[in-house]
Amino acid sequence: MNQSECQQVIDELDIVIDDTRELMKRFEATGMDEAMPSDYQQLHDVYTKAVKDQWAYTQEMLQAGE
């Protein structure tokens, strides 16, 4: 994967991270995190995976640039 492709994936993951975090905030603000804990956990899992994947692609891009 070239740097441009890595950057595109990183940018897309950034959108997923932002959107998921906003949805988690809405869950927390309305008490849905307590009323629907398994759904909230799924959101947290999506967020965590996206952050880890973004880090991995960032590392790949940085290594390719060396």
PDB file of N, CA and C in Angstrom:
ATOM      1  N   MET A   1       0.858  -1.167   0.000  1.00  0.00           N
ATOM      2  CA  MET A   1       0.000   0.000   0.000  1.00  0.00           C
ATOM      3  C   MET A   1       0.905   1.231   0.000  1.00  0.00           C
ATOM      4  N   ASN A   2       0.657   2.160  -0.913  1.00  0.00           N
ATOM      5  CA  ASN A   2       1.492   3.363  -0.954  1.00  0.00           C
ATOM      6  C   ASN A   2       1.006   4.397   0.070  1.00  0.00           C
ATOM      7  N   GLN A   3       1.778   5.460   0.213  1.00  0.00           N
ATOM      8  CA  GLN A   3       1.458   6.473   1.227  1.00  0.00           C
ATOM      9  C   GLN A   3       0.109   7.136   0.993  1.00  0.00           C
ATOM     10  N   SER A   4      -0.229   7.363  -0.257  1.00  0.00           N
ATOM     11  CA  SER A   4      -1.510   7.990  -0.584  1.00  0.00           C
ATOM     12  C   SER A   4      -2.677   7.099  -0.165  1.00  0.00           C
ATOM     13  N   GLU A   5      -2.548   5.823  -0.430  1.00  0.00           N
ATOM     14  CA  GLU A   5      -3.599   4.880  -0.041  1.00  0.00           C
ATOM     15  C   GLU A   5      -3.696   4.761   1.475  1.00  0.00           C
ATOM     16  N   CYS A   6      -2.556   4.732   2.145  1.00  0.00           N
ATOM     17  CA  CYS A   6      -2.562   4.706   3.609  1.00  0.00           C
ATOM     18  C   CYS A   6      -3.241   5.952   4.169  1.00  0.00           C
ATOM     19  N   GLN A   7      -2.919   7.102   3.596  1.00  0.00           N
ATOM     20  CA  GLN A   7      -3.516   8.349   4.075  1.00  0.00           C
ATOM     21  C   GLN A   7      -5.026   8.342   3.869  1.00  0.00           C
ATOM     22  N   GLN A   8      -5.479   7.792   2.755  1.00  0.00           N
ATOM     23  CA  GLN A   8      -6.917   7.717   2.504  1.00  0.00           C
ATOM     24  C   GLN A   8      -7.601   6.843   3.551  1.00  0.00           C
ATOM     25  N   VAL A   9      -7.003   5.707   3.881  1.00  0.00           N
ATOM     26  CA  VAL A   9      -7.565   4.822   4.903  1.00  0.00           C
ATOM     27  C   VAL A   9      -7.553   5.523   6.260  1.00  0.00           C
ATOM     28  N   ILE A  10      -6.468   6.203   6.584  1.00  0.00           N
ATOM     29  CA  ILE A  10      -6.371   6.939   7.843  1.00  0.00           C
ATOM     30  C   ILE A  10      -7.466   7.993   7.933  1.00  0.00           C
ATOM     31  N   ASP A  11      -7.693   8.714   6.847  1.00  0.00           N
ATOM     32  CA  ASP A  11      -8.740   9.748   6.822  1.00  0.00           C
ATOM     33  C   ASP A  11     -10.128   9.147   7.012  1.00  0.00           C
ATOM     34  N   GLU A  12     -10.379   8.011   6.360  1.00  0.00           N
ATOM     35  CA  GLU A  12     -11.681   7.348   6.500  1.00  0.00           C
ATOM     36  C   GLU A  12     -11.869   6.840   7.938  1.00  0.00           C
ATOM     37  N   LEU A  13     -10.826   6.298   8.509  1.00  0.00           N
ATOM     38  CA  LEU A  13     -10.905   5.831   9.895  1.00  0.00           C
ATOM     39  C   LEU A  13     -11.137   6.993  10.845  1.00  0.00           C
ATOM     40  N   ASP A  14     -10.580   8.155  10.523  1.00  0.00           N
ATOM     41  CA  ASP A  14     -10.796   9.344  11.343  1.00  0.00           C
ATOM     42  C   ASP A  14     -12.276   9.710  11.377  1.00  0.00           C
ATOM     43  N   ILE A  15     -12.948   9.566  10.260  1.00  0.00           N
ATOM     44  CA  ILE A  15     -14.391   9.834  10.200  1.00  0.00           C
ATOM     45  C   ILE A  15     -15.139   8.825  11.066  1.00  0.00           C
ATOM     46  N   VAL A  16     -14.769   7.549  10.954  1.00  0.00           N
ATOM     47  CA  VAL A  16     -15.412   6.514  11.773  1.00  0.00           C
ATOM     48  C   VAL A  16     -15.199   6.802  13.255  1.00  0.00           C
ATOM     49  N   ILE A  17     -13.972   7.172  13.622  1.00  0.00           N
ATOM     50  CA  ILE A  17     -13.660   7.482  15.013  1.00  0.00           C
ATOM     51  C   ILE A  17     -14.498   8.653  15.512  1.00  0.00           C
ATOM     52  N   ASP A  18     -14.534   9.730  14.740  1.00  0.00           N
ATOM     53  CA  ASP A  18     -15.309  10.912  15.142  1.00  0.00           C
ATOM     54  C   ASP A  18     -16.796  10.601  15.257  1.00  0.00           C
ATOM     55  N   ASP A  19     -17.340   9.921  14.258  1.00  0.00           N
ATOM     56  CA  ASP A  19     -18.769   9.596  14.275  1.00  0.00           C
ATOM     57  C   ASP A  19     -19.129   8.670  15.432  1.00  0.00           C
ATOM     58  N   THR A  20     -18.282   7.693  15.681  1.00  0.00           N
ATOM     59  CA  THR A  20     -18.544   6.751  16.770  1.00  0.00           C
ATOM     60  C   THR A  20     -18.458   7.445  18.115  1.00  0.00           C
ATOM     61  N   ARG A  21     -17.467   8.294  18.278  1.00  0.00           N
ATOM     62  CA  ARG A  21     -17.330   9.025  19.549  1.00  0.00           C
ATOM     63  C   ARG A  21     -18.540   9.931  19.779  1.00  0.00           C
ATOM     64  N   GLU A  22     -19.024  10.587  18.737  1.00  0.00           N
ATOM     65  CA  GLU A  22     -20.212  11.433  18.877  1.00  0.00           C
ATOM     66  C   GLU A  22     -21.434  10.604  19.276  1.00  0.00           C
ATOM     67  N   LEU A  23     -21.579   9.437  18.678  1.00  0.00           N
ATOM     68  CA  LEU A  23     -22.703   8.565  19.028  1.00  0.00           C
ATOM     69  C   LEU A  23     -22.565   8.071  20.468  1.00  0.00           C
ATOM     70  N   MET A  24     -21.353   7.761  20.891  1.00  0.00           N
ATOM     71  CA  MET A  24     -21.137   7.357  22.275  1.00  0.00           C
ATOM     72  C   MET A  24     -21.509   8.489  23.236  1.00  0.00           C
ATOM     73  N   LYS A  25     -21.161   9.711  22.886  1.00  0.00           N
ATOM     74  CA  LYS A  25     -21.536  10.863  23.721  1.00  0.00           C
ATOM     75  C   LYS A  25     -23.052  10.990  23.827  1.00  0.00           C
ATOM     76  N   ARG A  26     -23.748  10.771  22.704  1.00  0.00           N
ATOM     77  CA  ARG A  26     -25.209  10.837  22.723  1.00  0.00           C
ATOM     78  C   ARG A  26     -25.779   9.722  23.590  1.00  0.00           C
ATOM     79  N   PHE A  27     -25.207   8.532  23.499  1.00  0.00           N
ATOM     80  CA  PHE A  27     -25.628   7.427  24.363  1.00  0.00           C
ATOM     81  C   PHE A  27     -25.483   7.833  25.827  1.00  0.00           C
ATOM     82  N   GLU A  28     -24.322   8.389  26.173  1.00  0.00           N
ATOM     83  CA  GLU A  28     -24.045   8.778  27.555  1.00  0.00           C
ATOM     84  C   GLU A  28     -24.976   9.891  28.018  1.00  0.00           C
ATOM     85  N   ALA A  29     -25.237  10.859  27.159  1.00  0.00           N
ATOM     86  CA  ALA A  29     -26.070  12.010  27.530  1.00  0.00           C
ATOM     87  C   ALA A  29     -27.525  11.622  27.767  1.00  0.00           C
ATOM     88  N   THR A  30     -27.977  10.566  27.104  1.00  0.00           N
ATOM     89  CA  THR A  30     -29.382  10.165  27.231  1.00  0.00           C
ATOM     90  C   THR A  30     -29.579   8.943  28.127  1.00  0.00           C
ATOM     91  N   GLY A  31     -28.499   8.442  28.714  1.00  0.00           N
ATOM     92  CA  GLY A  31     -28.604   7.285  29.593  1.00  0.00           C
ATOM     93  C   GLY A  31     -28.712   5.963  28.869  1.00  0.00           C
ATOM     94  N   MET A  32     -28.554   5.995  27.549  1.00  0.00           N
ATOM     95  CA  MET A  32     -28.660   4.752  26.785  1.00  0.00           C
ATOM     96  C   MET A  32     -27.479   3.830  27.054  1.00  0.00           C
ATOM     97  N   ASP A  33     -26.363   4.389  27.514  1.00  0.00           N
ATOM     98  CA  ASP A  33     -25.214   3.538  27.838  1.00  0.00           C
ATOM     99  C   ASP A  33     -25.554   2.582  28.976  1.00  0.00           C
ATOM    100  N   GLU A  34     -26.438   3.005  29.877  1.00  0.00           N
ATOM    101  CA  GLU A  34     -26.868   2.143  30.979  1.00  0.00           C
ATOM    102  C   GLU A  34     -28.078   1.301  30.587  1.00  0.00           C
ATOM    103  N   ALA A  35     -28.952   1.850  29.756  1.00  0.00           N
ATOM    104  CA  ALA A  35     -30.152   1.118  29.342  1.00  0.00           C
ATOM    105  C   ALA A  35     -29.834   0.049  28.298  1.00  0.00           C
ATOM    106  N   MET A  36     -28.793   0.284  27.509  1.00  0.00           N
ATOM    107  CA  MET A  36     -28.420  -0.642  26.440  1.00  0.00           C
ATOM    108  C   MET A  36     -26.906  -0.904  26.503  1.00  0.00           C
ATOM    109  N   PRO A  37     -26.450  -1.533  27.575  1.00  0.00           N
ATOM    110  CA  PRO A  37     -25.012  -1.684  27.762  1.00  0.00           C
ATOM    111  C   PRO A  37     -24.311  -2.506  26.674  1.00  0.00           C
ATOM    112  N   SER A  38     -24.986  -3.499  26.124  1.00  0.00           N
ATOM    113  CA  SER A  38     -24.319  -4.301  25.078  1.00  0.00           C
ATOM    114  C   SER A  38     -24.143  -3.491  23.797  1.00  0.00           C
ATOM    115  N   ASP A  39     -25.107  -2.657  23.466  1.00  0.00           N
ATOM    116  CA  ASP A  39     -24.977  -1.793  22.291  1.00  0.00           C
ATOM    117  C   ASP A  39     -23.878  -0.749  22.510  1.00  0.00           C
ATOM    118  N   TYR A  40     -23.833  -0.216  23.723  1.00  0.00           N
ATOM    119  CA  TYR A  40     -22.792   0.758  24.038  1.00  0.00           C
ATOM    120  C   TYR A  40     -21.415   0.094  23.957  1.00  0.00           C
ATOM    121  N   GLN A  41     -21.308  -1.134  24.432  1.00  0.00           N
ATOM    122  CA  GLN A  41     -20.040  -1.856  24.363  1.00  0.00           C
ATOM    123  C   GLN A  41     -19.633  -2.091  22.908  1.00  0.00           C
ATOM    124  N   GLN A  42     -20.602  -2.378  22.057  1.00  0.00           N
ATOM    125  CA  GLN A  42     -20.301  -2.555  20.634  1.00  0.00           C
ATOM    126  C   GLN A  42     -19.745  -1.271  20.033  1.00  0.00           C
ATOM    127  N   LEU A  43     -20.316  -0.143  20.419  1.00  0.00           N
ATOM    128  CA  LEU A  43     -19.784   1.147  19.950  1.00  0.00           C
ATOM    129  C   LEU A  43     -18.354   1.337  20.433  1.00  0.00           C
ATOM    130  N   HIS A  44     -18.126   0.996  21.689  1.00  0.00           N
ATOM    131  CA  HIS A  44     -16.789   1.120  22.246  1.00  0.00           C
ATOM    132  C   HIS A  44     -15.813   0.211  21.498  1.00  0.00           C
ATOM    133  N   ASP A  45     -16.247  -0.983  21.147  1.00  0.00           N
ATOM    134  CA  ASP A  45     -15.406  -1.919  20.396  1.00  0.00           C
ATOM    135  C   ASP A  45     -15.068  -1.379  19.006  1.00  0.00           C
ATOM    136  N   VAL A  46     -16.061  -0.793  18.336  1.00  0.00           N
ATOM    137  CA  VAL A  46     -15.831  -0.190  17.010  1.00  0.00           C
ATOM    138  C   VAL A  46     -14.811   0.942  17.134  1.00  0.00           C
ATOM    139  N   TYR A  47     -14.997   1.774  18.136  1.00  0.00           N
ATOM    140  CA  TYR A  47     -14.094   2.897  18.372  1.00  0.00           C
ATOM    141  C   TYR A  47     -12.660   2.406  18.613  1.00  0.00           C
ATOM    142  N   THR A  48     -12.529   1.434  19.494  1.00  0.00           N
ATOM    143  CA  THR A  48     -11.211   0.900  19.828  1.00  0.00           C
ATOM    144  C   THR A  48     -10.525   0.287  18.613  1.00  0.00           C
ATOM    145  N   LYS A  49     -11.253  -0.486  17.835  1.00  0.00           N
ATOM    146  CA  LYS A  49     -10.671  -1.112  16.646  1.00  0.00           C
ATOM    147  C   LYS A  49     -10.253  -0.062  15.627  1.00  0.00           C
ATOM    148  N   ALA A  50     -11.079   0.954  15.428  1.00  0.00           N
ATOM    149  CA  ALA A  50     -10.748   2.008  14.467  1.00  0.00           C
ATOM    150  C   ALA A  50      -9.491   2.751  14.885  1.00  0.00           C
ATOM    151  N   VAL A  51      -9.350   3.035  16.180  1.00  0.00           N
ATOM    152  CA  VAL A  51      -8.153   3.727  16.672  1.00  0.00           C
ATOM    153  C   VAL A  51      -6.914   2.852  16.464  1.00  0.00           C
ATOM    154  N   LYS A  52      -7.029   1.570  16.788  1.00  0.00           N
ATOM    155  CA  LYS A  52      -5.899   0.656  16.599  1.00  0.00           C
ATOM    156  C   LYS A  52      -5.534   0.519  15.123  1.00  0.00           C
ATOM    157  N   ASP A  53      -6.540   0.401  14.277  1.00  0.00           N
ATOM    158  CA  ASP A  53      -6.278   0.289  12.841  1.00  0.00           C
ATOM    159  C   ASP A  53      -5.641   1.563  12.299  1.00  0.00           C
ATOM    160  N   GLN A  54      -6.119   2.705  12.755  1.00  0.00           N
ATOM    161  CA  GLN A  54      -5.548   3.974  12.305  1.00  0.00           C
ATOM    162  C   GLN A  54      -4.082   4.067  12.718  1.00  0.00           C
ATOM    163  N   TRP A  55      -3.772   3.642  13.920  1.00  0.00           N
ATOM    164  CA  TRP A  55      -2.392   3.647  14.385  1.00  0.00           C
ATOM    165  C   TRP A  55      -1.539   2.741  13.501  1.00  0.00           C
ATOM    166  N   ALA A  56      -2.055   1.546  13.179  1.00  0.00           N
ATOM    167  CA  ALA A  56      -1.305   0.595  12.344  1.00  0.00           C
ATOM    168  C   ALA A  56      -1.036   1.170  10.955  1.00  0.00           C
ATOM    169  N   TYR A  57      -2.026   1.811  10.367  1.00  0.00           N
ATOM    170  CA  TYR A  57      -1.823   2.405   9.037  1.00  0.00           C
ATOM    171  C   TYR A  57      -0.865   3.593   9.100  1.00  0.00           C
ATOM    172  N   THR A  58      -0.918   4.333  10.186  1.00  0.00           N
ATOM    173  CA  THR A  58       0.014   5.438  10.362  1.00  0.00           C
ATOM    174  C   THR A  58       1.440   4.903  10.453  1.00  0.00           C
ATOM    175  N   GLN A  59       1.625   3.839  11.220  1.00  0.00           N
ATOM    176  CA  GLN A  59       2.950   3.229  11.326  1.00  0.00           C
ATOM    177  C   GLN A  59       3.429   2.715   9.972  1.00  0.00           C
ATOM    178  N   GLU A  60       2.525   2.088   9.227  1.00  0.00           N
ATOM    179  CA  GLU A  60       2.877   1.573   7.898  1.00  0.00           C
ATOM    180  C   GLU A  60       3.302   2.715   6.977  1.00  0.00           C
ATOM    181  N   MET A  61       2.561   3.810   7.026  1.00  0.00           N
ATOM    182  CA  MET A  61       2.862   4.947   6.177  1.00  0.00           C
ATOM    183  C   MET A  61       4.223   5.546   6.551  1.00  0.00           C
ATOM    184  N   LEU A  62       4.481   5.656   7.841  1.00  0.00           N
ATOM    185  CA  LEU A  62       5.753   6.215   8.295  1.00  0.00           C
ATOM    186  C   LEU A  62       6.929   5.322   7.916  1.00  0.00           C
ATOM    187  N   GLN A  63       6.747   4.027   8.017  1.00  0.00           N
ATOM    188  CA  GLN A  63       7.816   3.100   7.642  1.00  0.00           C
ATOM    189  C   GLN A  63       8.065   3.114   6.148  1.00  0.00           C
ATOM    190  N   ALA A  64       7.009   3.270   5.359  1.00  0.00           N
ATOM    191  CA  ALA A  64       7.166   3.314   3.904  1.00  0.00           C
ATOM    192  C   ALA A  64       7.908   4.581   3.476  1.00  0.00           C
ATOM    193  N   GLY A  65       7.797   5.626   4.281  1.00  0.00           N
ATOM    194  CA  GLY A  65       8.443   6.889   3.956  1.00  0.00           C
ATOM    195  C   GLY A  65       9.918   6.930   4.315  1.00  0.00           C
ATOM    196  N   GLU A  66      10.404   5.933   5.024  1.00  0.00           N
ATOM    197  CA  GLU A  66      11.813   5.918   5.437  1.00  0.00           C
ATOM    198  C   GLU A  66      12.731   5.574   4.304  1.00  0.00           C
TER     199      GLU A  66
END
